[in-house]
Amino acid sequence: MPQPTVPPEVFLDLRGSFPPEPMERVLDALAGLLAGQQIRLLIEREPHPLFRILEKNNYRYSSTEPEPGLYQILIQER
């Protein structure tokens, strides 16, 4: 029987959400992240407190601003 395929990323569209919801949703997604997966999130501000947590817990991330006021964050395990 074939094994189910794991999607390569978890996508979180957090536009329009207010603290602490974005942080909670990202931390929940990190807890369920499988080997080889990444998290891609869209949010209207750079989540600097999240960046500190990611650095402390050995995650790699990148942040881009594809349009003014919209940030795309990619999170991966190191």
C-alpha atoms as a PDB file:
ATOM      1  CA  MET A   1       0.000   0.000   0.000  1.00  0.00           C
ATOM      2  CA  PRO A   2       1.514   3.390  -0.955  1.00  0.00           C
ATOM      3  CA  GLN A   3       2.451   5.782   1.824  1.00  0.00           C
ATOM      4  CA  PRO A   4       0.540   9.085   1.915  1.00  0.00           C
ATOM      5  CA  THR A   5       2.610  11.948   0.587  1.00  0.00           C
ATOM      6  CA  VAL A   6       3.522  14.771   2.914  1.00  0.00           C
ATOM      7  CA  PRO A   7       2.867  18.253   1.525  1.00  0.00           C
ATOM      8  CA  PRO A   8       6.156  20.179   1.280  1.00  0.00           C
ATOM      9  CA  GLU A   9       4.824  23.144   3.209  1.00  0.00           C
ATOM     10  CA  VAL A  10       2.255  24.324   5.688  1.00  0.00           C
ATOM     11  CA  PHE A  11       0.648  27.555   4.484  1.00  0.00           C
ATOM     12  CA  LEU A  12      -0.710  30.065   7.012  1.00  0.00           C
ATOM     13  CA  ASP A  13      -2.530  33.162   5.800  1.00  0.00           C
ATOM     14  CA  LEU A  14      -2.521  35.333   8.907  1.00  0.00           C
ATOM     15  CA  ARG A  15      -3.569  38.574   7.246  1.00  0.00           C
ATOM     16  CA  GLY A  16      -6.222  40.314   9.312  1.00  0.00           C
ATOM     17  CA  SER A  17      -5.448  38.389  12.511  1.00  0.00           C
ATOM     18  CA  PHE A  18      -4.483  40.101  15.748  1.00  0.00           C
ATOM     19  CA  PRO A  19      -2.050  39.111  18.504  1.00  0.00           C
ATOM     20  CA  PRO A  20      -1.707  36.623  20.001  1.00  0.00           C
ATOM     21  CA  GLU A  21      -3.390  34.550  17.254  1.00  0.00           C
ATOM     22  CA  PRO A  22      -0.549  34.740  14.680  1.00  0.00           C
ATOM     23  CA  MET A  23       2.061  33.604  17.213  1.00  0.00           C
ATOM     24  CA  GLU A  24      -0.179  30.815  18.511  1.00  0.00           C
ATOM     25  CA  ARG A  25      -0.920  29.514  15.007  1.00  0.00           C
ATOM     26  CA  VAL A  26       2.738  29.522  13.984  1.00  0.00           C
ATOM     27  CA  LEU A  27       3.830  27.772  17.193  1.00  0.00           C
ATOM     28  CA  ASP A  28       1.111  25.132  16.686  1.00  0.00           C
ATOM     29  CA  ALA A  29       2.291  24.617  13.100  1.00  0.00           C
ATOM     30  CA  LEU A  30       5.903  24.285  14.271  1.00  0.00           C
ATOM     31  CA  ALA A  31       4.874  21.617  16.777  1.00  0.00           C
ATOM     32  CA  GLY A  32       3.309  19.570  13.972  1.00  0.00           C
ATOM     33  CA  LEU A  33       6.013  20.165  11.358  1.00  0.00           C
ATOM     34  CA  LEU A  34       7.234  16.957   9.723  1.00  0.00           C
ATOM     35  CA  ALA A  35      10.742  16.282   8.449  1.00  0.00           C
ATOM     36  CA  GLY A  36      11.345  18.156   5.220  1.00  0.00           C
ATOM     37  CA  GLN A  37       8.374  20.488   5.573  1.00  0.00           C
ATOM     38  CA  GLN A  38       8.498  24.259   5.783  1.00  0.00           C
ATOM     39  CA  ILE A  39       6.006  26.863   6.928  1.00  0.00           C
ATOM     40  CA  ARG A  40       5.063  29.705   4.603  1.00  0.00           C
ATOM     41  CA  LEU A  41       3.090  32.495   6.220  1.00  0.00           C
ATOM     42  CA  LEU A  42       1.616  35.752   5.041  1.00  0.00           C
ATOM     43  CA  ILE A  43       1.189  38.538   7.550  1.00  0.00           C
ATOM     44  CA  GLU A  44       0.897  42.325   7.520  1.00  0.00           C
ATOM     45  CA  ARG A  45       3.830  43.026   9.835  1.00  0.00           C
ATOM     46  CA  GLU A  46       7.185  41.437  10.548  1.00  0.00           C
ATOM     47  CA  PRO A  47       6.817  39.211  13.620  1.00  0.00           C
ATOM     48  CA  HIS A  48      10.049  40.124  15.427  1.00  0.00           C
ATOM     49  CA  PRO A  49       9.117  38.280  18.670  1.00  0.00           C
ATOM     50  CA  LEU A  50       8.606  35.133  16.561  1.00  0.00           C
ATOM     51  CA  PHE A  51      12.024  35.607  14.949  1.00  0.00           C
ATOM     52  CA  ARG A  52      13.666  35.508  18.395  1.00  0.00           C
ATOM     53  CA  ILE A  53      11.836  32.265  19.242  1.00  0.00           C
ATOM     54  CA  LEU A  54      12.859  30.715  15.916  1.00  0.00           C
ATOM     55  CA  GLU A  55      16.517  31.649  16.430  1.00  0.00           C
ATOM     56  CA  LYS A  56      16.501  30.297  19.982  1.00  0.00           C
ATOM     57  CA  ASN A  57      15.011  26.988  18.794  1.00  0.00           C
ATOM     58  CA  ASN A  58      17.351  26.519  15.836  1.00  0.00           C
ATOM     59  CA  TYR A  59      14.931  27.290  12.999  1.00  0.00           C
ATOM     60  CA  ARG A  60      15.961  29.058   9.830  1.00  0.00           C
ATOM     61  CA  TYR A  61      13.698  31.761   8.406  1.00  0.00           C
ATOM     62  CA  SER A  62      13.579  34.371   5.689  1.00  0.00           C
ATOM     63  CA  SER A  63      11.320  37.380   5.385  1.00  0.00           C
ATOM     64  CA  THR A  64      10.389  39.199   2.180  1.00  0.00           C
ATOM     65  CA  GLU A  65       7.959  42.004   1.451  1.00  0.00           C
ATOM     66  CA  PRO A  66       6.367  41.084  -1.920  1.00  0.00           C
ATOM     67  CA  GLU A  67       4.199  44.183  -1.731  1.00  0.00           C
ATOM     68  CA  PRO A  68       4.008  47.108   0.703  1.00  0.00           C
ATOM     69  CA  GLY A  69       2.548  45.997   4.020  1.00  0.00           C
ATOM     70  CA  LEU A  70       2.594  42.268   3.217  1.00  0.00           C
ATOM     71  CA  TYR A  71       5.330  39.987   4.512  1.00  0.00           C
ATOM     72  CA  GLN A  72       6.022  36.432   3.465  1.00  0.00           C
ATOM     73  CA  ILE A  73       7.953  34.400   6.010  1.00  0.00           C
ATOM     74  CA  LEU A  74       9.474  30.986   5.250  1.00  0.00           C
ATOM     75  CA  ILE A  75      10.432  28.820   8.231  1.00  0.00           C
ATOM     76  CA  GLN A  76      12.495  25.630   8.083  1.00  0.00           C
ATOM     77  CA  GLU A  77      14.398  23.430  10.472  1.00  0.00           C
ATOM     78  CA  ARG A  78      18.179  23.806  10.276  1.00  0.00           C
END
